[in-house]
């Protein structure tokens, strides 16, 4: 029996009677834990969806001259209008004069040009109306733009929260998977120690008489070393 053990340890192969040495039955039947279901891949929302509520973009404001030209009602044709009168009042020639003196000077120029005061007042009224109408239209346009932008921001915020929740779930799933793998490996290491103890105990039984194993050398390495010594001695005989 001892010689057969020596032949086996020298590399002679024999067919195992109890199946392959692949660990304990628990390790053989254990199957890796299934991977957690991966989160749905990210699909960026189409730009049309985010910008569906934005119908217009805010742009630069028109000049006063463009507003006057685009007004529905135009002042009557005359040599000059109310804006020219405003330039006269701001002229350096009238600087330092009293209000009445300025008025007299301007009225003299108006009469000399053959312009009716009523036409000038109508020009002033039409220009003021054009400016006020444009201001109201731009104020409404700005409010519409603000509302559309707020709706778009709400969509973006909702999408950001959805993506944050989705990727946090994926991160947590990855962390859980790593923890599960570590637990499985530590359990395998524990079974491995038990398996080595079983092998060491079995190998100790196989040591021939005169080579008893003491409590200090019952480890797997010590038993194999003892068997190696006995093999050398048997070969010498």
C-alpha atoms as a PDB file:
ATOM      1  CA  UNK A   1       0.000   0.000   0.000  1.00  0.00           C
ATOM      2  CA  UNK A   2       2.793   2.391   0.961  1.00  0.00           C
ATOM      3  CA  UNK A   3       4.636   1.672  -2.332  1.00  0.00           C
ATOM      4  CA  UNK A   4       1.475   2.478  -4.289  1.00  0.00           C
ATOM      5  CA  UNK A   5       1.217   5.825  -2.506  1.00  0.00           C
ATOM      6  CA  UNK A   6       4.836   6.540  -3.429  1.00  0.00           C
ATOM      7  CA  UNK A   7       4.157   5.725  -7.074  1.00  0.00           C
ATOM      8  CA  UNK A   8       1.215   8.084  -7.099  1.00  0.00           C
ATOM      9  CA  UNK A   9       3.265  10.885  -5.573  1.00  0.00           C
ATOM     10  CA  UNK A  10       5.996  10.327  -8.238  1.00  0.00           C
ATOM     11  CA  UNK A  11       3.552  11.310 -10.976  1.00  0.00           C
ATOM     12  CA  UNK A  12       1.887   7.995 -11.942  1.00  0.00           C
ATOM     13  CA  UNK A  13      -1.682   8.700 -13.043  1.00  0.00           C
ATOM     14  CA  UNK A  14      -4.612   6.587 -12.121  1.00  0.00           C
ATOM     15  CA  UNK A  15      -8.272   7.095 -12.796  1.00  0.00           C
ATOM     16  CA  UNK A  16     -10.013   8.498  -9.708  1.00  0.00           C
ATOM     17  CA  UNK A  17     -12.683   6.300  -8.166  1.00  0.00           C
ATOM     18  CA  UNK A  18     -14.699   9.039  -6.544  1.00  0.00           C
ATOM     19  CA  UNK A  19     -14.749  11.568  -9.393  1.00  0.00           C
ATOM     20  CA  UNK A  20     -12.477  14.549 -10.051  1.00  0.00           C
ATOM     21  CA  UNK A  21     -10.979  16.544  -7.216  1.00  0.00           C
ATOM     22  CA  UNK A  22     -12.866  19.796  -7.686  1.00  0.00           C
ATOM     23  CA  UNK A  23     -13.612  20.857  -4.147  1.00  0.00           C
ATOM     24  CA  UNK A  24     -16.548  20.056  -1.894  1.00  0.00           C
ATOM     25  CA  UNK A  25     -20.030  19.344  -3.128  1.00  0.00           C
ATOM     26  CA  UNK A  26     -21.215  22.742  -2.032  1.00  0.00           C
ATOM     27  CA  UNK A  27     -18.615  24.485  -4.135  1.00  0.00           C
ATOM     28  CA  UNK A  28     -19.446  22.285  -7.142  1.00  0.00           C
ATOM     29  CA  UNK A  29     -23.138  22.969  -7.006  1.00  0.00           C
ATOM     30  CA  UNK A  30     -22.791  26.672  -6.251  1.00  0.00           C
ATOM     31  CA  UNK A  31     -23.604  28.922  -9.130  1.00  0.00           C
ATOM     32  CA  UNK A  32     -22.608  32.558  -9.350  1.00  0.00           C
ATOM     33  CA  UNK A  33     -25.266  34.991  -8.305  1.00  0.00           C
ATOM     34  CA  UNK A  34     -27.067  36.566 -11.232  1.00  0.00           C
ATOM     35  CA  UNK A  35     -26.027  40.045 -12.184  1.00  0.00           C
ATOM     36  CA  UNK A  36     -28.516  42.718 -11.241  1.00  0.00           C
ATOM     37  CA  UNK A  37     -30.596  43.965 -14.070  1.00  0.00           C
ATOM     38  CA  UNK A  38     -28.810  46.802 -15.741  1.00  0.00           C
ATOM     39  CA  UNK A  39     -30.478  50.149 -15.870  1.00  0.00           C
ATOM     40  CA  UNK A  40     -32.070  51.348 -19.039  1.00  0.00           C
ATOM     41  CA  UNK A  41     -29.475  53.043 -21.263  1.00  0.00           C
ATOM     42  CA  UNK A  42     -29.597  56.788 -21.401  1.00  0.00           C
ATOM     43  CA  UNK A  43     -31.334  58.296 -24.388  1.00  0.00           C
ATOM     44  CA  UNK A  44     -31.016  62.044 -24.585  1.00  0.00           C
ATOM     45  CA  UNK A  45     -34.375  63.725 -25.085  1.00  0.00           C
ATOM     46  CA  UNK A  46     -34.835  65.165 -28.559  1.00  0.00           C
ATOM     47  CA  UNK A  47     -34.280  68.881 -28.860  1.00  0.00           C
ATOM     48  CA  UNK A  48     -37.758  69.265 -30.345  1.00  0.00           C
ATOM     49  CA  UNK A  49     -39.279  68.033 -27.098  1.00  0.00           C
ATOM     50  CA  UNK A  50     -37.353  70.449 -24.925  1.00  0.00           C
ATOM     51  CA  UNK A  51     -37.957  73.376 -27.247  1.00  0.00           C
ATOM     52  CA  UNK A  52     -41.548  72.538 -28.115  1.00  0.00           C
ATOM     53  CA  UNK A  53     -42.900  75.303 -25.927  1.00  0.00           C
ATOM     54  CA  UNK A  54     -40.421  77.923 -27.105  1.00  0.00           C
ATOM     55  CA  UNK A  55     -41.990  79.533 -30.114  1.00  0.00           C
ATOM     56  CA  UNK A  56     -39.828  82.637 -30.393  1.00  0.00           C
ATOM     57  CA  UNK A  57     -36.429  83.731 -29.259  1.00  0.00           C
ATOM     58  CA  UNK A  58     -35.701  87.120 -27.778  1.00  0.00           C
ATOM     59  CA  UNK A  59     -33.691  89.375 -30.035  1.00  0.00           C
ATOM     60  CA  UNK A  60     -32.449  92.954 -30.243  1.00  0.00           C
ATOM     61  CA  UNK A  61     -34.898  95.832 -29.972  1.00  0.00           C
ATOM     62  CA  UNK A  62     -35.713  98.030 -32.916  1.00  0.00           C
ATOM     63  CA  UNK A  63     -34.444 101.584 -33.207  1.00  0.00           C
ATOM     64  CA  UNK A  64     -36.802 104.518 -32.801  1.00  0.00           C
ATOM     65  CA  UNK A  65     -36.482 105.330 -36.508  1.00  0.00           C
ATOM     66  CA  UNK A  66     -37.533 101.804 -37.462  1.00  0.00           C
ATOM     67  CA  UNK A  67     -40.454 101.982 -35.041  1.00  0.00           C
ATOM     68  CA  UNK A  68     -41.654 105.246 -36.553  1.00  0.00           C
ATOM     69  CA  UNK A  69     -41.345 103.889 -40.097  1.00  0.00           C
ATOM     70  CA  UNK A  70     -43.220 100.730 -39.166  1.00  0.00           C
ATOM     71  CA  UNK A  71     -46.088 102.534 -37.437  1.00  0.00           C
ATOM     72  CA  UNK A  72     -49.513 101.956 -39.041  1.00  0.00           C
ATOM     73  CA  UNK A  73     -50.316 105.696 -39.100  1.00  0.00           C
ATOM     74  CA  UNK A  74     -47.836 108.178 -40.576  1.00  0.00           C
ATOM     75  CA  UNK A  75     -47.749 111.933 -39.877  1.00  0.00           C
ATOM     76  CA  UNK A  76     -48.605 114.402 -42.635  1.00  0.00           C
ATOM     77  CA  UNK A  77     -45.865 115.523 -45.011  1.00  0.00           C
ATOM     78  CA  UNK A  78     -44.199 118.768 -43.978  1.00  0.00           C
ATOM     79  CA  UNK A  79     -40.820 120.484 -44.033  1.00  0.00           C
ATOM     80  CA  UNK A  80     -39.924 119.032 -40.657  1.00  0.00           C
ATOM     81  CA  UNK A  81     -41.689 117.351 -37.783  1.00  0.00           C
ATOM     82  CA  UNK A  82     -41.766 117.393 -34.033  1.00  0.00           C
ATOM     83  CA  UNK A  83     -38.318 115.842 -33.785  1.00  0.00           C
ATOM     84  CA  UNK A  84     -36.837 118.843 -35.553  1.00  0.00           C
ATOM     85  CA  UNK A  85     -38.532 121.087 -33.034  1.00  0.00           C
ATOM     86  CA  UNK A  86     -36.929 119.026 -30.258  1.00  0.00           C
ATOM     87  CA  UNK A  87     -33.517 119.628 -31.869  1.00  0.00           C
ATOM     88  CA  UNK A  88     -34.207 123.365 -31.946  1.00  0.00           C
ATOM     89  CA  UNK A  89     -34.931 123.420 -28.230  1.00  0.00           C
ATOM     90  CA  UNK A  90     -31.612 121.680 -27.557  1.00  0.00           C
ATOM     91  CA  UNK A  91     -29.643 123.965 -29.875  1.00  0.00           C
ATOM     92  CA  UNK A  92     -26.683 125.839 -28.477  1.00  0.00           C
ATOM     93  CA  UNK A  93     -28.151 129.065 -29.880  1.00  0.00           C
ATOM     94  CA  UNK A  94     -31.046 128.833 -27.433  1.00  0.00           C
ATOM     95  CA  UNK A  95     -28.948 127.844 -24.428  1.00  0.00           C
ATOM     96  CA  UNK A  96     -29.464 130.142 -21.423  1.00  0.00           C
ATOM     97  CA  UNK A  97     -32.690 131.622 -22.763  1.00  0.00           C
ATOM     98  CA  UNK A  98     -35.902 131.563 -20.767  1.00  0.00           C
ATOM     99  CA  UNK A  99     -38.732 129.196 -21.601  1.00  0.00           C
ATOM    100  CA  UNK A 100     -40.798 131.967 -23.159  1.00  0.00           C
ATOM    101  CA  UNK A 101     -37.885 133.182 -25.253  1.00  0.00           C
ATOM    102  CA  UNK A 102     -37.261 129.659 -26.547  1.00  0.00           C
ATOM    103  CA  UNK A 103     -40.937 129.298 -27.370  1.00  0.00           C
ATOM    104  CA  UNK A 104     -40.993 132.507 -29.336  1.00  0.00           C
ATOM    105  CA  UNK A 105     -37.894 131.565 -31.306  1.00  0.00           C
ATOM    106  CA  UNK A 106     -39.255 128.128 -32.182  1.00  0.00           C
ATOM    107  CA  UNK A 107     -42.653 129.515 -33.183  1.00  0.00           C
ATOM    108  CA  UNK A 108     -40.968 132.039 -35.487  1.00  0.00           C
ATOM    109  CA  UNK A 109     -39.098 129.197 -37.226  1.00  0.00           C
ATOM    110  CA  UNK A 110     -42.283 127.133 -37.548  1.00  0.00           C
ATOM    111  CA  UNK A 111     -44.225 130.026 -39.116  1.00  0.00           C
ATOM    112  CA  UNK A 112     -41.329 130.791 -41.452  1.00  0.00           C
ATOM    113  CA  UNK A 113     -41.362 127.183 -42.695  1.00  0.00           C
ATOM    114  CA  UNK A 114     -45.145 127.335 -43.240  1.00  0.00           C
ATOM    115  CA  UNK A 115     -45.862 124.430 -40.896  1.00  0.00           C
ATOM    116  CA  UNK A 116     -49.135 124.123 -39.029  1.00  0.00           C
ATOM    117  CA  UNK A 117     -48.938 123.631 -35.270  1.00  0.00           C
ATOM    118  CA  UNK A 118     -51.749 121.062 -35.500  1.00  0.00           C
ATOM    119  CA  UNK A 119     -49.625 118.962 -37.865  1.00  0.00           C
ATOM    120  CA  UNK A 120     -46.712 119.053 -35.409  1.00  0.00           C
ATOM    121  CA  UNK A 121     -48.963 118.008 -32.518  1.00  0.00           C
ATOM    122  CA  UNK A 122     -50.384 115.182 -34.636  1.00  0.00           C
ATOM    123  CA  UNK A 123     -46.840 114.064 -35.480  1.00  0.00           C
ATOM    124  CA  UNK A 124     -45.962 114.040 -31.762  1.00  0.00           C
ATOM    125  CA  UNK A 125     -49.093 112.051 -30.917  1.00  0.00           C
ATOM    126  CA  UNK A 126     -48.453 109.456 -33.652  1.00  0.00           C
ATOM    127  CA  UNK A 127     -44.841 108.965 -32.600  1.00  0.00           C
ATOM    128  CA  UNK A 128     -45.795 108.583 -28.934  1.00  0.00           C
ATOM    129  CA  UNK A 129     -48.466 106.053 -29.890  1.00  0.00           C
ATOM    130  CA  UNK A 130     -45.992 104.100 -32.027  1.00  0.00           C
ATOM    131  CA  UNK A 131     -43.516 103.950 -29.154  1.00  0.00           C
ATOM    132  CA  UNK A 132     -46.169 102.883 -26.635  1.00  0.00           C
ATOM    133  CA  UNK A 133     -47.566 100.203 -28.959  1.00  0.00           C
ATOM    134  CA  UNK A 134     -44.106  98.824 -29.599  1.00  0.00           C
ATOM    135  CA  UNK A 135     -43.380  98.819 -25.862  1.00  0.00           C
ATOM    136  CA  UNK A 136     -46.546  96.835 -25.134  1.00  0.00           C
ATOM    137  CA  UNK A 137     -45.825  94.364 -27.921  1.00  0.00           C
ATOM    138  CA  UNK A 138     -42.267  93.810 -26.709  1.00  0.00           C
ATOM    139  CA  UNK A 139     -43.423  93.415 -23.121  1.00  0.00           C
ATOM    140  CA  UNK A 140     -45.872  90.684 -24.180  1.00  0.00           C
ATOM    141  CA  UNK A 141     -43.186  89.037 -26.285  1.00  0.00           C
ATOM    142  CA  UNK A 142     -40.782  89.072 -23.339  1.00  0.00           C
ATOM    143  CA  UNK A 143     -43.408  87.503 -21.062  1.00  0.00           C
ATOM    144  CA  UNK A 144     -44.083  84.797 -23.649  1.00  0.00           C
ATOM    145  CA  UNK A 145     -40.364  84.159 -23.917  1.00  0.00           C
ATOM    146  CA  UNK A 146     -40.037  83.927 -20.128  1.00  0.00           C
ATOM    147  CA  UNK A 147     -42.944  81.456 -19.938  1.00  0.00           C
ATOM    148  CA  UNK A 148     -41.510  79.303 -22.728  1.00  0.00           C
ATOM    149  CA  UNK A 149     -38.078  79.349 -21.095  1.00  0.00           C
ATOM    150  CA  UNK A 150     -39.560  78.373 -17.733  1.00  0.00           C
ATOM    151  CA  UNK A 151     -41.340  75.411 -19.343  1.00  0.00           C
ATOM    152  CA  UNK A 152     -38.119  74.334 -21.019  1.00  0.00           C
ATOM    153  CA  UNK A 153     -36.196  74.668 -17.758  1.00  0.00           C
ATOM    154  CA  UNK A 154     -38.805  72.516 -16.018  1.00  0.00           C
ATOM    155  CA  UNK A 155     -38.361  69.840 -18.682  1.00  0.00           C
ATOM    156  CA  UNK A 156     -34.601  70.007 -18.313  1.00  0.00           C
ATOM    157  CA  UNK A 157     -34.866  69.796 -14.528  1.00  0.00           C
ATOM    158  CA  UNK A 158     -37.154  66.775 -14.754  1.00  0.00           C
ATOM    159  CA  UNK A 159     -34.769  65.107 -17.214  1.00  0.00           C
ATOM    160  CA  UNK A 160     -31.806  65.880 -14.949  1.00  0.00           C
ATOM    161  CA  UNK A 161     -33.571  64.334 -11.956  1.00  0.00           C
ATOM    162  CA  UNK A 162     -34.498  61.261 -14.010  1.00  0.00           C
ATOM    163  CA  UNK A 163     -30.920  60.780 -15.166  1.00  0.00           C
ATOM    164  CA  UNK A 164     -29.561  61.345 -11.670  1.00  0.00           C
ATOM    165  CA  UNK A 165     -31.912  58.728 -10.252  1.00  0.00           C
ATOM    166  CA  UNK A 166     -31.108  56.306 -13.065  1.00  0.00           C
ATOM    167  CA  UNK A 167     -27.341  56.544 -12.706  1.00  0.00           C
ATOM    168  CA  UNK A 168     -27.464  56.481  -8.919  1.00  0.00           C
ATOM    169  CA  UNK A 169     -29.357  53.193  -9.249  1.00  0.00           C
ATOM    170  CA  UNK A 170     -26.680  51.868 -11.595  1.00  0.00           C
ATOM    171  CA  UNK A 171     -23.921  52.944  -9.206  1.00  0.00           C
ATOM    172  CA  UNK A 172     -25.677  51.227  -6.303  1.00  0.00           C
ATOM    173  CA  UNK A 173     -26.164  48.068  -8.384  1.00  0.00           C
ATOM    174  CA  UNK A 174     -22.437  48.019  -9.186  1.00  0.00           C
ATOM    175  CA  UNK A 175     -21.536  48.468  -5.516  1.00  0.00           C
ATOM    176  CA  UNK A 176     -23.922  45.678  -4.514  1.00  0.00           C
ATOM    177  CA  UNK A 177     -22.471  43.372  -7.167  1.00  0.00           C
ATOM    178  CA  UNK A 178     -18.911  43.952  -5.936  1.00  0.00           C
ATOM    179  CA  UNK A 179     -20.004  43.299  -2.348  1.00  0.00           C
ATOM    180  CA  UNK A 180     -21.731  40.081  -3.394  1.00  0.00           C
ATOM    181  CA  UNK A 181     -18.595  38.948  -5.232  1.00  0.00           C
ATOM    182  CA  UNK A 182     -16.465  39.656  -2.179  1.00  0.00           C
ATOM    183  CA  UNK A 183     -18.857  37.668   0.016  1.00  0.00           C
ATOM    184  CA  UNK A 184     -18.744  34.708  -2.368  1.00  0.00           C
ATOM    185  CA  UNK A 185     -14.939  34.792  -2.459  1.00  0.00           C
ATOM    186  CA  UNK A 186     -14.625  34.943   1.336  1.00  0.00           C
ATOM    187  CA  UNK A 187     -17.037  32.009   1.620  1.00  0.00           C
ATOM    188  CA  UNK A 188     -14.915  30.073  -0.892  1.00  0.00           C
ATOM    189  CA  UNK A 189     -11.764  30.848   1.095  1.00  0.00           C
ATOM    190  CA  UNK A 190     -13.413  29.452   4.201  1.00  0.00           C
ATOM    191  CA  UNK A 191     -14.392  26.266   2.387  1.00  0.00           C
ATOM    192  CA  UNK A 192     -10.865  26.077   1.002  1.00  0.00           C
ATOM    193  CA  UNK A 193      -9.402  26.063   4.523  1.00  0.00           C
ATOM    194  CA  UNK A 194     -11.775  23.278   5.488  1.00  0.00           C
ATOM    195  CA  UNK A 195     -10.794  21.336   2.380  1.00  0.00           C
ATOM    196  CA  UNK A 196      -7.089  21.696   3.185  1.00  0.00           C
ATOM    197  CA  UNK A 197      -7.712  20.475   6.716  1.00  0.00           C
ATOM    198  CA  UNK A 198      -9.493  17.398   5.355  1.00  0.00           C
ATOM    199  CA  UNK A 199      -6.624  16.706   2.963  1.00  0.00           C
ATOM    200  CA  UNK A 200      -4.029  17.174   5.708  1.00  0.00           C
ATOM    201  CA  UNK A 201      -5.877  14.815   8.027  1.00  0.00           C
ATOM    202  CA  UNK A 202      -6.121  12.203   5.273  1.00  0.00           C
ATOM    203  CA  UNK A 203      -2.448  12.602   4.357  1.00  0.00           C
ATOM    204  CA  UNK A 204      -1.441  12.235   8.020  1.00  0.00           C
ATOM    205  CA  UNK A 205      -3.171   8.856   8.126  1.00  0.00           C
ATOM    206  CA  UNK A 206      -1.073   7.746   5.170  1.00  0.00           C
ATOM    207  CA  UNK A 207       2.270   8.468   6.842  1.00  0.00           C
ATOM    208  CA  UNK A 208       4.049   5.108   7.564  1.00  0.00           C
ATOM    209  CA  UNK A 209       4.957   3.945  11.021  1.00  0.00           C
ATOM    210  CA  UNK A 210       7.914   5.652  12.513  1.00  0.00           C
ATOM    211  CA  UNK A 211       6.946   8.925  10.966  1.00  0.00           C
ATOM    212  CA  UNK A 212       4.195   9.893  13.336  1.00  0.00           C
ATOM    213  CA  UNK A 213       2.908  13.355  12.996  1.00  0.00           C
ATOM    214  CA  UNK A 214       3.041  15.462  16.116  1.00  0.00           C
ATOM    215  CA  UNK A 215       0.600  18.251  16.919  1.00  0.00           C
ATOM    216  CA  UNK A 216       3.219  20.776  15.822  1.00  0.00           C
ATOM    217  CA  UNK A 217       3.557  19.410  12.264  1.00  0.00           C
ATOM    218  CA  UNK A 218       0.035  18.412  11.279  1.00  0.00           C
ATOM    219  CA  UNK A 219      -0.232  21.132   8.660  1.00  0.00           C
ATOM    220  CA  UNK A 220      -0.547  20.218   4.996  1.00  0.00           C
ATOM    221  CA  UNK A 221       3.010  21.371   4.272  1.00  0.00           C
ATOM    222  CA  UNK A 222       4.494  19.384   7.147  1.00  0.00           C
ATOM    223  CA  UNK A 223       2.680  16.207   6.136  1.00  0.00           C
ATOM    224  CA  UNK A 224       3.821  16.501   2.518  1.00  0.00           C
ATOM    225  CA  UNK A 225       7.384  17.139   3.674  1.00  0.00           C
ATOM    226  CA  UNK A 226       7.231  14.011   5.851  1.00  0.00           C
ATOM    227  CA  UNK A 227       5.940  12.002   2.909  1.00  0.00           C
ATOM    228  CA  UNK A 228       8.775  13.329   0.780  1.00  0.00           C
ATOM    229  CA  UNK A 229      11.334  12.125   3.296  1.00  0.00           C
ATOM    230  CA  UNK A 230       9.776   8.679   3.337  1.00  0.00           C
ATOM    231  CA  UNK A 231       9.772   8.594  -0.473  1.00  0.00           C
ATOM    232  CA  UNK A 232      13.513   9.285  -0.539  1.00  0.00           C
ATOM    233  CA  UNK A 233      14.141   6.614   2.023  1.00  0.00           C
ATOM    234  CA  UNK A 234      12.040   4.100   0.118  1.00  0.00           C
ATOM    235  CA  UNK A 235      13.923   4.830  -3.090  1.00  0.00           C
ATOM    236  CA  UNK A 236      17.242   4.324  -1.395  1.00  0.00           C
ATOM    237  CA  UNK A 237      16.111   0.890  -0.169  1.00  0.00           C
END
